[in-house]
PDB file of N, CA and C in Angstrom:
ATOM      1  N   MET A   1     126.286 139.814  83.109  1.00  0.00           N
ATOM      2  CA  MET A   1     126.223 139.185  83.564  1.00  0.00           C
ATOM      3  C   MET A   1     126.854 137.961  84.370  1.00  0.00           C
ATOM      4  N   GLU A   2     128.037 137.669  84.399  1.00  0.00           N
ATOM      5  CA  GLU A   2     129.257 137.069  84.871  1.00  0.00           C
ATOM      6  C   GLU A   2     128.572 135.862  86.034  1.00  0.00           C
ATOM      7  N   ILE A   3     129.123 134.791  85.242  1.00  0.00           N
ATOM      8  CA  ILE A   3     129.078 133.625  86.324  1.00  0.00           C
ATOM      9  C   ILE A   3     130.312 133.622  88.228  1.00  0.00           C
ATOM     10  N   LYS A   4     129.349 132.981  89.089  1.00  0.00           N
ATOM     11  CA  LYS A   4     129.827 133.819  90.231  1.00  0.00           C
ATOM     12  C   LYS A   4     130.921 132.263  90.033  1.00  0.00           C
ATOM     13  N   GLN A   5     131.976 132.339  91.409  1.00  0.00           N
ATOM     14  CA  GLN A   5     133.090 131.382  91.118  1.00  0.00           C
ATOM     15  C   GLN A   5     131.752 130.113  91.553  1.00  0.00           C
ATOM     16  N   GLU A   6     131.053 130.085  92.338  1.00  0.00           N
ATOM     17  CA  GLU A   6     130.721 128.910  92.848  1.00  0.00           C
ATOM     18  C   GLU A   6     130.078 127.960  91.470  1.00  0.00           C
ATOM     19  N   GLU A   7     129.547 128.822  90.662  1.00  0.00           N
ATOM     20  CA  GLU A   7     128.621 128.170  89.450  1.00  0.00           C
ATOM     21  C   GLU A   7     129.693 127.998  88.575  1.00  0.00           C
ATOM     22  N   LYS A   8     131.012 128.644  88.364  1.00  0.00           N
ATOM     23  CA  LYS A   8     132.406 128.159  87.485  1.00  0.00           C
ATOM     24  C   LYS A   8     132.970 126.899  88.098  1.00  0.00           C
ATOM     25  N   ALA A   9     132.511 126.786  89.551  1.00  0.00           N
ATOM     26  CA  ALA A   9     133.242 125.356  89.838  1.00  0.00           C
ATOM     27  C   ALA A   9     131.936 124.358  89.511  1.00  0.00           C
ATOM     28  N   HIS A  10     131.220 124.738  89.995  1.00  0.00           N
ATOM     29  CA  HIS A  10     130.249 124.131  89.266  1.00  0.00           C
ATOM     30  C   HIS A  10     130.098 123.264  87.244  1.00  0.00           C
ATOM     31  N   THR A  11     129.960 124.513  87.292  1.00  0.00           N
ATOM     32  CA  THR A  11     129.927 123.917  85.572  1.00  0.00           C
ATOM     33  C   THR A  11     131.795 123.373  85.095  1.00  0.00           C
ATOM     34  N   ASN A  12     132.169 123.577  85.651  1.00  0.00           N
ATOM     35  CA  ASN A  12     133.898 122.923  85.504  1.00  0.00           C
ATOM     36  C   ASN A  12     133.102 121.097  86.325  1.00  0.00           C
ATOM     37  N   ARG A  13     133.132 120.992  86.973  1.00  0.00           N
ATOM     38  CA  ARG A  13     132.517 119.643  87.597  1.00  0.00           C
ATOM     39  C   ARG A  13     131.475 119.348  86.461  1.00  0.00           C
ATOM     40  N   LEU A  14     131.059 119.181  85.995  1.00  0.00           N
ATOM     41  CA  LEU A  14     129.915 119.469  84.449  1.00  0.00           C
ATOM     42  C   LEU A  14     130.615 118.562  84.038  1.00  0.00           C
ATOM     43  N   LYS A  15     131.526 119.827  83.299  1.00  0.00           N
ATOM     44  CA  LYS A  15     132.243 119.548  81.949  1.00  0.00           C
ATOM     45  C   LYS A  15     132.982 118.229  82.303  1.00  0.00           C
ATOM     46  N   GLU A  16     134.092 117.993  83.678  1.00  0.00           N
ATOM     47  CA  GLU A  16     134.261 116.812  83.430  1.00  0.00           C
ATOM     48  C   GLU A  16     134.093 115.769  83.755  1.00  0.00           C
ATOM     49  N   GLN A  17     132.804 115.364  84.207  1.00  0.00           N
ATOM     50  CA  GLN A  17     131.796 114.125  84.583  1.00  0.00           C
ATOM     51  C   GLN A  17     132.611 113.398  82.955  1.00  0.00           C
ATOM     52  N   PRO A  18     132.538 112.163  83.822  1.00  0.00           N
ATOM     53  CA  PRO A  18     133.081 110.946  83.099  1.00  0.00           C
ATOM     54  C   PRO A  18     131.796 110.816  81.438  1.00  0.00           C
ATOM     55  N   LYS A  19     132.235 110.427  80.548  1.00  0.00           N
ATOM     56  CA  LYS A  19     131.335 110.275  79.634  1.00  0.00           C
ATOM     57  C   LYS A  19     130.711 108.671  79.933  1.00  0.00           C
ATOM     58  N   LYS A  20     130.979 108.203  80.335  1.00  0.00           N
ATOM     59  CA  LYS A  20     130.502 106.447  80.830  1.00  0.00           C
ATOM     60  C   LYS A  20     128.806 106.256  80.520  1.00  0.00           C
ATOM     61  N   ILE A  21     128.037 105.813  79.971  1.00  0.00           N
ATOM     62  CA  ILE A  21     126.630 106.308  80.090  1.00  0.00           C
ATOM     63  C   ILE A  21     126.354 105.027  80.619  1.00  0.00           C
ATOM     64  N   ASN A  22     125.254 105.041  82.250  1.00  0.00           N
ATOM     65  CA  ASN A  22     124.264 104.183  82.415  1.00  0.00           C
ATOM     66  C   ASN A  22     123.505 104.220  82.352  1.00  0.00           C
ATOM     67  N   ASP A  23     122.223 103.122  82.399  1.00  0.00           N
ATOM     68  CA  ASP A  23     121.098 103.005  81.631  1.00  0.00           C
ATOM     69  C   ASP A  23     120.245 103.591  82.173  1.00  0.00           C
ATOM     70  N   ASP A  24     120.182 104.117  83.293  1.00  0.00           N
ATOM     71  CA  ASP A  24     119.209 105.095  83.785  1.00  0.00           C
ATOM     72  C   ASP A  24     120.221 106.081  84.126  1.00  0.00           C
ATOM     73  N   GLU A  25     120.776 106.770  83.364  1.00  0.00           N
ATOM     74  CA  GLU A  25     121.254 108.304  83.196  1.00  0.00           C
ATOM     75  C   GLU A  25     121.322 108.798  82.005  1.00  0.00           C
ATOM     76  N   TRP A  26     120.844 110.249  82.148  1.00  0.00           N
ATOM     77  CA  TRP A  26     120.116 111.414  81.207  1.00  0.00           C
ATOM     78  C   TRP A  26     121.458 111.668  81.163  1.00  0.00           C
ATOM     79  N   VAL A  27     121.650 112.133  79.329  1.00  0.00           N
ATOM     80  CA  VAL A  27     122.896 112.677  78.704  1.00  0.00           C
ATOM     81  C   VAL A  27     122.477 114.570  78.011  1.00  0.00           C
ATOM     82  N   LEU A  28     122.443 115.030  78.408  1.00  0.00           N
ATOM     83  CA  LEU A  28     122.241 116.041  78.439  1.00  0.00           C
ATOM     84  C   LEU A  28     122.652 117.282  77.305  1.00  0.00           C
ATOM     85  N   ARG A  29     123.195 118.125  76.259  1.00  0.00           N
ATOM     86  CA  ARG A  29     124.055 118.710  75.717  1.00  0.00           C
ATOM     87  C   ARG A  29     123.404 120.215  75.577  1.00  0.00           C
ATOM     88  N   LEU A  30     123.679 121.419  76.686  1.00  0.00           N
ATOM     89  CA  LEU A  30     123.320 122.198  76.656  1.00  0.00           C
ATOM     90  C   LEU A  30     124.593 123.261  75.971  1.00  0.00           C
ATOM     91  N   TYR A  31     123.922 123.962  74.969  1.00  0.00           N
ATOM     92  CA  TYR A  31     125.014 124.537  73.750  1.00  0.00           C
ATOM     93  C   TYR A  31     124.534 125.963  73.806  1.00  0.00           C
ATOM     94  N   VAL A  32     125.435 126.555  74.328  1.00  0.00           N
ATOM     95  CA  VAL A  32     124.889 128.088  74.422  1.00  0.00           C
ATOM     96  C   VAL A  32     126.139 128.894  73.821  1.00  0.00           C
ATOM     97  N   ALA A  33     126.414 130.535  74.118  1.00  0.00           N
ATOM     98  CA  ALA A  33     127.750 131.531  73.201  1.00  0.00           C
ATOM     99  C   ALA A  33     128.216 132.228  73.974  1.00  0.00           C
ATOM    100  N   GLY A  34     128.655 132.134  74.858  1.00  0.00           N
ATOM    101  CA  GLY A  34     129.246 131.980  75.866  1.00  0.00           C
ATOM    102  C   GLY A  34     128.706 132.779  77.013  1.00  0.00           C
ATOM    103  N   GLN A  35     129.060 133.201  78.054  1.00  0.00           N
ATOM    104  CA  GLN A  35     128.711 133.926  79.372  1.00  0.00           C
ATOM    105  C   GLN A  35     127.062 134.948  79.442  1.00  0.00           C
ATOM    106  N   THR A  36     126.212 134.589  77.893  1.00  0.00           N
ATOM    107  CA  THR A  36     125.379 135.931  78.839  1.00  0.00           C
ATOM    108  C   THR A  36     124.586 135.255  79.110  1.00  0.00           C
ATOM    109  N   PRO A  37     123.407 136.465  79.405  1.00  0.00           N
ATOM    110  CA  PRO A  37     122.604 136.155  80.297  1.00  0.00           C
ATOM    111  C   PRO A  37     121.879 135.074  80.511  1.00  0.00           C
ATOM    112  N   LYS A  38     121.509 135.057  79.107  1.00  0.00           N
ATOM    113  CA  LYS A  38     120.400 133.975  79.018  1.00  0.00           C
ATOM    114  C   LYS A  38     121.217 132.126  78.725  1.00  0.00           C
ATOM    115  N   SER A  39     122.950 132.157  78.751  1.00  0.00           N
ATOM    116  CA  SER A  39     123.445 131.300  78.839  1.00  0.00           C
ATOM    117  C   SER A  39     123.496 130.955  80.581  1.00  0.00           C
ATOM    118  N   VAL A  40     123.555 131.358  81.117  1.00  0.00           N
ATOM    119  CA  VAL A  40     123.793 131.405  82.537  1.00  0.00           C
ATOM    120  C   VAL A  40     123.152 130.990  82.762  1.00  0.00           C
ATOM    121  N   THR A  41     121.308 131.624  82.871  1.00  0.00           N
ATOM    122  CA  THR A  41     119.759 131.104  83.645  1.00  0.00           C
ATOM    123  C   THR A  41     119.879 130.687  83.176  1.00  0.00           C
ATOM    124  N   ALA A  42     119.994 129.552  81.816  1.00  0.00           N
ATOM    125  CA  ALA A  42     119.953 128.294  81.147  1.00  0.00           C
ATOM    126  C   ALA A  42     120.638 127.082  81.790  1.00  0.00           C
ATOM    127  N   LEU A  43     121.701 127.233  82.175  1.00  0.00           N
ATOM    128  CA  LEU A  43     122.419 126.430  82.849  1.00  0.00           C
ATOM    129  C   LEU A  43     122.093 126.548  83.918  1.00  0.00           C
ATOM    130  N   ASN A  44     121.923 127.280  84.745  1.00  0.00           N
ATOM    131  CA  ASN A  44     121.576 127.544  86.464  1.00  0.00           C
ATOM    132  C   ASN A  44     119.861 126.507  86.138  1.00  0.00           C
ATOM    133  N   ASN A  45     118.424 126.926  85.296  1.00  0.00           N
ATOM    134  CA  ASN A  45     117.821 125.979  85.419  1.00  0.00           C
ATOM    135  C   ASN A  45     117.641 124.946  84.724  1.00  0.00           C
ATOM    136  N   LEU A  46     119.020 124.407  84.225  1.00  0.00           N
ATOM    137  CA  LEU A  46     118.753 122.997  83.956  1.00  0.00           C
ATOM    138  C   LEU A  46     119.633 122.045  84.895  1.00  0.00           C
ATOM    139  N   ILE A  47     120.875 122.788  85.712  1.00  0.00           N
ATOM    140  CA  ILE A  47     120.848 122.224  87.181  1.00  0.00           C
ATOM    141  C   ILE A  47     119.661 122.080  87.824  1.00  0.00           C
ATOM    142  N   LEU A  48     118.908 123.077  88.138  1.00  0.00           N
ATOM    143  CA  LEU A  48     117.378 122.279  89.222  1.00  0.00           C
ATOM    144  C   LEU A  48     116.304 122.199  89.001  1.00  0.00           C
ATOM    145  N   ILE A  49     116.775 121.853  87.356  1.00  0.00           N
ATOM    146  CA  ILE A  49     115.528 120.816  86.943  1.00  0.00           C
ATOM    147  C   ILE A  49     116.410 119.540  86.897  1.00  0.00           C
ATOM    148  N   CYS A  50     117.189 119.350  86.922  1.00  0.00           N
ATOM    149  CA  CYS A  50     117.966 117.235  87.189  1.00  0.00           C
ATOM    150  C   CYS A  50     118.159 117.808  88.829  1.00  0.00           C
ATOM    151  N   GLU A  51     118.483 118.484  89.397  1.00  0.00           N
ATOM    152  CA  GLU A  51     118.783 118.155  90.610  1.00  0.00           C
ATOM    153  C   GLU A  51     117.456 117.419  91.134  1.00  0.00           C
ATOM    154  N   GLU A  52     116.001 118.555  90.483  1.00  0.00           N
ATOM    155  CA  GLU A  52     114.531 118.563  91.175  1.00  0.00           C
ATOM    156  C   GLU A  52     114.080 116.713  91.362  1.00  0.00           C
ATOM    157  N   GLN A  53     114.510 116.316  89.359  1.00  0.00           N
ATOM    158  CA  GLN A  53     114.063 115.417  88.503  1.00  0.00           C
ATOM    159  C   GLN A  53     115.084 114.271  88.634  1.00  0.00           C
ATOM    160  N   LEU A  54     115.936 114.168  88.087  1.00  0.00           N
ATOM    161  CA  LEU A  54     116.536 113.068  87.694  1.00  0.00           C
ATOM    162  C   LEU A  54     117.234 112.770  89.226  1.00  0.00           C
ATOM    163  N   ARG A  55     117.757 113.819  90.698  1.00  0.00           N
ATOM    164  CA  ARG A  55     118.597 113.226  91.028  1.00  0.00           C
ATOM    165  C   ARG A  55     119.922 112.654  91.357  1.00  0.00           C
ATOM    166  N   GLY A  56     120.451 113.400  90.565  1.00  0.00           N
ATOM    167  CA  GLY A  56     122.103 112.464  90.656  1.00  0.00           C
ATOM    168  C   GLY A  56     122.373 112.024  89.168  1.00  0.00           C
ATOM    169  N   LYS A  57     120.657 111.205  88.267  1.00  0.00           N
ATOM    170  CA  LYS A  57     121.118 110.919  87.506  1.00  0.00           C
ATOM    171  C   LYS A  57     120.969 111.078  85.852  1.00  0.00           C
ATOM    172  N   TYR A  58     122.286 112.021  85.816  1.00  0.00           N
ATOM    173  CA  TYR A  58     122.808 112.480  84.373  1.00  0.00           C
ATOM    174  C   TYR A  58     123.801 113.475  84.470  1.00  0.00           C
ATOM    175  N   GLN A  59     124.544 113.765  82.676  1.00  0.00           N
ATOM    176  CA  GLN A  59     125.808 114.294  82.916  1.00  0.00           C
ATOM    177  C   GLN A  59     125.099 115.330  81.626  1.00  0.00           C
ATOM    178  N   ILE A  60     125.887 116.053  82.352  1.00  0.00           N
ATOM    179  CA  ILE A  60     125.438 117.467  81.553  1.00  0.00           C
ATOM    180  C   ILE A  60     126.986 118.364  80.959  1.00  0.00           C
ATOM    181  N   GLU A  61     126.532 118.463  79.830  1.00  0.00           N
ATOM    182  CA  GLU A  61     128.485 118.759  78.895  1.00  0.00           C
ATOM    183  C   GLU A  61     127.839 120.479  77.743  1.00  0.00           C
ATOM    184  N   VAL A  62     127.980 120.890  78.585  1.00  0.00           N
ATOM    185  CA  VAL A  62     128.137 122.118  78.315  1.00  0.00           C
ATOM    186  C   VAL A  62     128.962 122.525  77.127  1.00  0.00           C
ATOM    187  N   ILE A  63     127.885 123.460  75.737  1.00  0.00           N
ATOM    188  CA  ILE A  63     128.873 123.888  74.656  1.00  0.00           C
ATOM    189  C   ILE A  63     129.033 124.877  74.274  1.00  0.00           C
ATOM    190  N   ASP A  64     130.192 126.075  74.717  1.00  0.00           N
ATOM    191  CA  ASP A  64     129.965 126.498  73.765  1.00  0.00           C
ATOM    192  C   ASP A  64     130.471 126.641  72.156  1.00  0.00           C
ATOM    193  N   LEU A  65     129.496 127.841  72.136  1.00  0.00           N
ATOM    194  CA  LEU A  65     129.418 128.178  69.952  1.00  0.00           C
ATOM    195  C   LEU A  65     130.521 128.955  69.762  1.00  0.00           C
ATOM    196  N   LEU A  66     131.258 129.437  71.069  1.00  0.00           N
ATOM    197  CA  LEU A  66     131.783 130.796  71.005  1.00  0.00           C
ATOM    198  C   LEU A  66     133.691 129.867  70.207  1.00  0.00           C
ATOM    199  N   GLU A  67     133.698 128.798  71.026  1.00  0.00           N
ATOM    200  CA  GLU A  67     135.019 128.091  70.926  1.00  0.00           C
ATOM    201  C   GLU A  67     134.820 126.838  70.019  1.00  0.00           C
ATOM    202  N   LYS A  68     133.538 126.256  69.704  1.00  0.00           N
ATOM    203  CA  LYS A  68     133.576 125.636  68.585  1.00  0.00           C
ATOM    204  C   LYS A  68     132.187 125.584  67.571  1.00  0.00           C
ATOM    205  N   PRO A  69     132.650 126.956  66.804  1.00  0.00           N
ATOM    206  CA  PRO A  69     131.177 127.196  66.273  1.00  0.00           C
ATOM    207  C   PRO A  69     130.380 125.745  64.950  1.00  0.00           C
ATOM    208  N   GLN A  70     131.949 124.959  64.868  1.00  0.00           N
ATOM    209  CA  GLN A  70     131.022 124.236  64.076  1.00  0.00           C
ATOM    210  C   GLN A  70     130.584 123.073  64.579  1.00  0.00           C
ATOM    211  N   LEU A  71     129.884 123.109  65.429  1.00  0.00           N
ATOM    212  CA  LEU A  71     129.042 121.789  65.696  1.00  0.00           C
ATOM    213  C   LEU A  71     127.989 122.699  65.736  1.00  0.00           C
ATOM    214  N   ALA A  72     127.954 124.348  65.484  1.00  0.00           N
ATOM    215  CA  ALA A  72     126.606 124.202  65.463  1.00  0.00           C
ATOM    216  C   ALA A  72     126.167 123.337  64.255  1.00  0.00           C
ATOM    217  N   ARG A  73     126.834 124.179  63.286  1.00  0.00           N
ATOM    218  CA  ARG A  73     126.174 123.502  61.705  1.00  0.00           C
ATOM    219  C   ARG A  73     126.224 121.670  62.118  1.00  0.00           C
ATOM    220  N   ASP A  74     126.946 120.869  62.302  1.00  0.00           N
ATOM    221  CA  ASP A  74     127.055 119.462  62.947  1.00  0.00           C
ATOM    222  C   ASP A  74     126.155 119.016  63.032  1.00  0.00           C
ATOM    223  N   ASN A  75     125.454 119.795  64.530  1.00  0.00           N
ATOM    224  CA  ASN A  75     124.672 119.180  65.668  1.00  0.00           C
ATOM    225  C   ASN A  75     123.278 120.134  65.107  1.00  0.00           C
ATOM    226  N   GLN A  76     123.363 120.554  64.499  1.00  0.00           N
ATOM    227  CA  GLN A  76     121.618 121.403  63.416  1.00  0.00           C
ATOM    228  C   GLN A  76     121.193 122.185  64.544  1.00  0.00           C
ATOM    229  N   ILE A  77     122.280 123.016  65.171  1.00  0.00           N
ATOM    230  CA  ILE A  77     121.741 123.728  66.852  1.00  0.00           C
ATOM    231  C   ILE A  77     121.790 125.207  65.687  1.00  0.00           C
ATOM    232  N   ILE A  78     120.372 125.713  65.691  1.00  0.00           N
ATOM    233  CA  ILE A  78     119.683 126.862  64.801  1.00  0.00           C
ATOM    234  C   ILE A  78     119.540 128.291  65.718  1.00  0.00           C
ATOM    235  N   ALA A  79     119.696 128.271  67.099  1.00  0.00           N
ATOM    236  CA  ALA A  79     119.364 129.234  68.604  1.00  0.00           C
ATOM    237  C   ALA A  79     120.395 128.429  69.344  1.00  0.00           C
ATOM    238  N   ILE A  80     120.241 129.399  70.212  1.00  0.00           N
ATOM    239  CA  ILE A  80     121.374 128.978  71.403  1.00  0.00           C
ATOM    240  C   ILE A  80     119.835 130.132  72.453  1.00  0.00           C
ATOM    241  N   PRO A  81     120.290 129.606  73.855  1.00  0.00           N
ATOM    242  CA  PRO A  81     120.797 128.430  73.953  1.00  0.00           C
ATOM    243  C   PRO A  81     120.045 127.300  73.504  1.00  0.00           C
ATOM    244  N   THR A  82     120.663 126.415  73.230  1.00  0.00           N
ATOM    245  CA  THR A  82     119.672 125.441  72.942  1.00  0.00           C
ATOM    246  C   THR A  82     120.142 123.882  73.934  1.00  0.00           C
ATOM    247  N   LEU A  83     119.227 123.588  74.685  1.00  0.00           N
ATOM    248  CA  LEU A  83     119.219 121.902  75.141  1.00  0.00           C
ATOM    249  C   LEU A  83     119.014 121.003  74.486  1.00  0.00           C
ATOM    250  N   VAL A  84     120.038 119.891  74.691  1.00  0.00           N
ATOM    251  CA  VAL A  84     119.767 118.957  73.613  1.00  0.00           C
ATOM    252  C   VAL A  84     120.014 117.399  74.307  1.00  0.00           C
ATOM    253  N   ARG A  85     118.894 116.467  74.622  1.00  0.00           N
ATOM    254  CA  ARG A  85     118.498 115.541  75.139  1.00  0.00           C
ATOM    255  C   ARG A  85     119.117 114.259  74.459  1.00  0.00           C
ATOM    256  N   LYS A  86     120.486 114.063  74.507  1.00  0.00           N
ATOM    257  CA  LYS A  86     121.094 112.885  73.742  1.00  0.00           C
ATOM    258  C   LYS A  86     119.980 111.522  74.599  1.00  0.00           C
ATOM    259  N   PHE A  87     120.308 111.308  75.492  1.00  0.00           N
ATOM    260  CA  PHE A  87     119.614 109.824  75.949  1.00  0.00           C
ATOM    261  C   PHE A  87     119.201 110.515  77.332  1.00  0.00           C
ATOM    262  N   PRO A  88     117.770 109.401  77.724  1.00  0.00           N
ATOM    263  CA  PRO A  88     117.412 108.698  77.051  1.00  0.00           C
ATOM    264  C   PRO A  88     116.674 109.132  75.423  1.00  0.00           C
ATOM    265  N   MET A  89     116.489 107.465  74.186  1.00  0.00           N
ATOM    266  CA  MET A  89     116.157 108.018  73.299  1.00  0.00           C
ATOM    267  C   MET A  89     114.240 108.190  73.387  1.00  0.00           C
ATOM    268  N   PRO A  90     114.401 108.598  72.656  1.00  0.00           N
ATOM    269  CA  PRO A  90     114.701 109.507  71.483  1.00  0.00           C
ATOM    270  C   PRO A  90     115.114 110.897  71.652  1.00  0.00           C
ATOM    271  N   VAL A  91     116.321 111.577  70.190  1.00  0.00           N
ATOM    272  CA  VAL A  91     116.650 112.912  70.642  1.00  0.00           C
ATOM    273  C   VAL A  91     115.973 114.297  70.829  1.00  0.00           C
ATOM    274  N   LYS A  92     115.568 114.655  71.776  1.00  0.00           N
ATOM    275  CA  LYS A  92     114.852 116.240  71.756  1.00  0.00           C
ATOM    276  C   LYS A  92     115.129 117.248  71.992  1.00  0.00           C
ATOM    277  N   LYS A  93     114.919 118.093  71.293  1.00  0.00           N
ATOM    278  CA  LYS A  93     116.124 119.886  71.785  1.00  0.00           C
ATOM    279  C   LYS A  93     114.729 120.401  71.672  1.00  0.00           C
ATOM    280  N   ILE A  94     115.170 121.808  73.483  1.00  0.00           N
ATOM    281  CA  ILE A  94     114.621 122.615  73.807  1.00  0.00           C
ATOM    282  C   ILE A  94     115.008 124.240  73.336  1.00  0.00           C
ATOM    283  N   ILE A  95     114.962 124.865  73.247  1.00  0.00           N
ATOM    284  CA  ILE A  95     115.157 126.193  73.231  1.00  0.00           C
ATOM    285  C   ILE A  95     115.065 127.136  73.974  1.00  0.00           C
ATOM    286  N   GLY A  96     116.480 127.581  74.045  1.00  0.00           N
ATOM    287  CA  GLY A  96     115.277 129.276  75.537  1.00  0.00           C
ATOM    288  C   GLY A  96     116.572 128.619  76.508  1.00  0.00           C
ATOM    289  N   ASP A  97     116.022 129.666  77.705  1.00  0.00           N
ATOM    290  CA  ASP A  97     117.111 130.052  78.909  1.00  0.00           C
ATOM    291  C   ASP A  97     115.782 128.678  79.539  1.00  0.00           C
ATOM    292  N   LEU A  98     114.923 127.476  79.455  1.00  0.00           N
ATOM    293  CA  LEU A  98     114.370 127.360  80.676  1.00  0.00           C
ATOM    294  C   LEU A  98     113.661 128.207  81.871  1.00  0.00           C
ATOM    295  N   SER A  99     113.170 128.669  81.228  1.00  0.00           N
ATOM    296  CA  SER A  99     112.868 129.395  82.393  1.00  0.00           C
ATOM    297  C   SER A  99     111.729 129.261  82.502  1.00  0.00           C
ATOM    298  N   ASN A 100     110.838 128.763  81.953  1.00  0.00           N
ATOM    299  CA  ASN A 100     109.326 127.923  81.592  1.00  0.00           C
ATOM    300  C   ASN A 100     109.780 126.931  82.138  1.00  0.00           C
ATOM    301  N   ILE A 101     109.860 126.483  83.397  1.00  0.00           N
ATOM    302  CA  ILE A 101     110.182 124.836  83.981  1.00  0.00           C
ATOM    303  C   ILE A 101     109.563 124.030  83.834  1.00  0.00           C
ATOM    304  N   GLU A 102     107.875 124.340  83.643  1.00  0.00           N
ATOM    305  CA  GLU A 102     106.900 123.364  83.250  1.00  0.00           C
ATOM    306  C   GLU A 102     106.827 123.201  82.251  1.00  0.00           C
ATOM    307  N   ARG A 103     107.288 124.484  81.036  1.00  0.00           N
ATOM    308  CA  ARG A 103     107.296 123.709  79.611  1.00  0.00           C
ATOM    309  C   ARG A 103     108.514 123.066  79.309  1.00  0.00           C
ATOM    310  N   ALA A 104     109.716 123.282  79.848  1.00  0.00           N
ATOM    311  CA  ALA A 104     111.143 122.799  79.491  1.00  0.00           C
ATOM    312  C   ALA A 104     110.776 120.946  80.626  1.00  0.00           C
ATOM    313  N   LEU A 105     109.928 121.132  81.132  1.00  0.00           N
ATOM    314  CA  LEU A 105     109.851 119.203  82.263  1.00  0.00           C
ATOM    315  C   LEU A 105     108.978 118.663  80.467  1.00  0.00           C
ATOM    316  N   VAL A 106     108.326 119.590  80.070  1.00  0.00           N
ATOM    317  CA  VAL A 106     107.027 118.268  78.932  1.00  0.00           C
ATOM    318  C   VAL A 106     107.917 118.468  77.363  1.00  0.00           C
ATOM    319  N   GLY A 107     108.870 118.860  77.679  1.00  0.00           N
ATOM    320  CA  GLY A 107     109.709 118.785  76.326  1.00  0.00           C
ATOM    321  C   GLY A 107     111.165 118.189  76.387  1.00  0.00           C
ATOM    322  N   LEU A 108     111.320 117.721  77.791  1.00  0.00           N
ATOM    323  CA  LEU A 108     112.224 116.460  78.019  1.00  0.00           C
ATOM    324  C   LEU A 108     111.767 115.276  78.664  1.00  0.00           C
ATOM    325  N   ASP A 109     110.614 115.468  78.566  1.00  0.00           N
ATOM    326  CA  ASP A 109     109.034 114.241  78.910  1.00  0.00           C
ATOM    327  C   ASP A 109     109.456 113.772  80.394  1.00  0.00           C
ATOM    328  N   LEU A 110     110.112 114.332  81.298  1.00  0.00           N
ATOM    329  CA  LEU A 110     109.897 114.616  82.556  1.00  0.00           C
ATOM    330  C   LEU A 110     108.261 114.161  83.554  1.00  0.00           C
TER     331      LEU A 110
END
């Protein structure tokens, strides 16, 4: 499965978002390994959830572990895709492609 051109553009914009955090802004990291179908699905589902629930008050950082494998060990990532909620605290992790929206919402405390 290949990421479409418009999805690539959206993904690039997400990666380029400023790192400054507002108090009401959520910071999310999605760990993937290349552009596998599950990785693409996880990103698409995450964007959908964020747009519906957080309405622009979020930052998504996509981390490709094929490019930076040391981050898997450093951040205790044992499966992919994994979503990590960095802010607001506490840190939370969700493993999977986020297809079960209800489970993802509960996992993120939304």
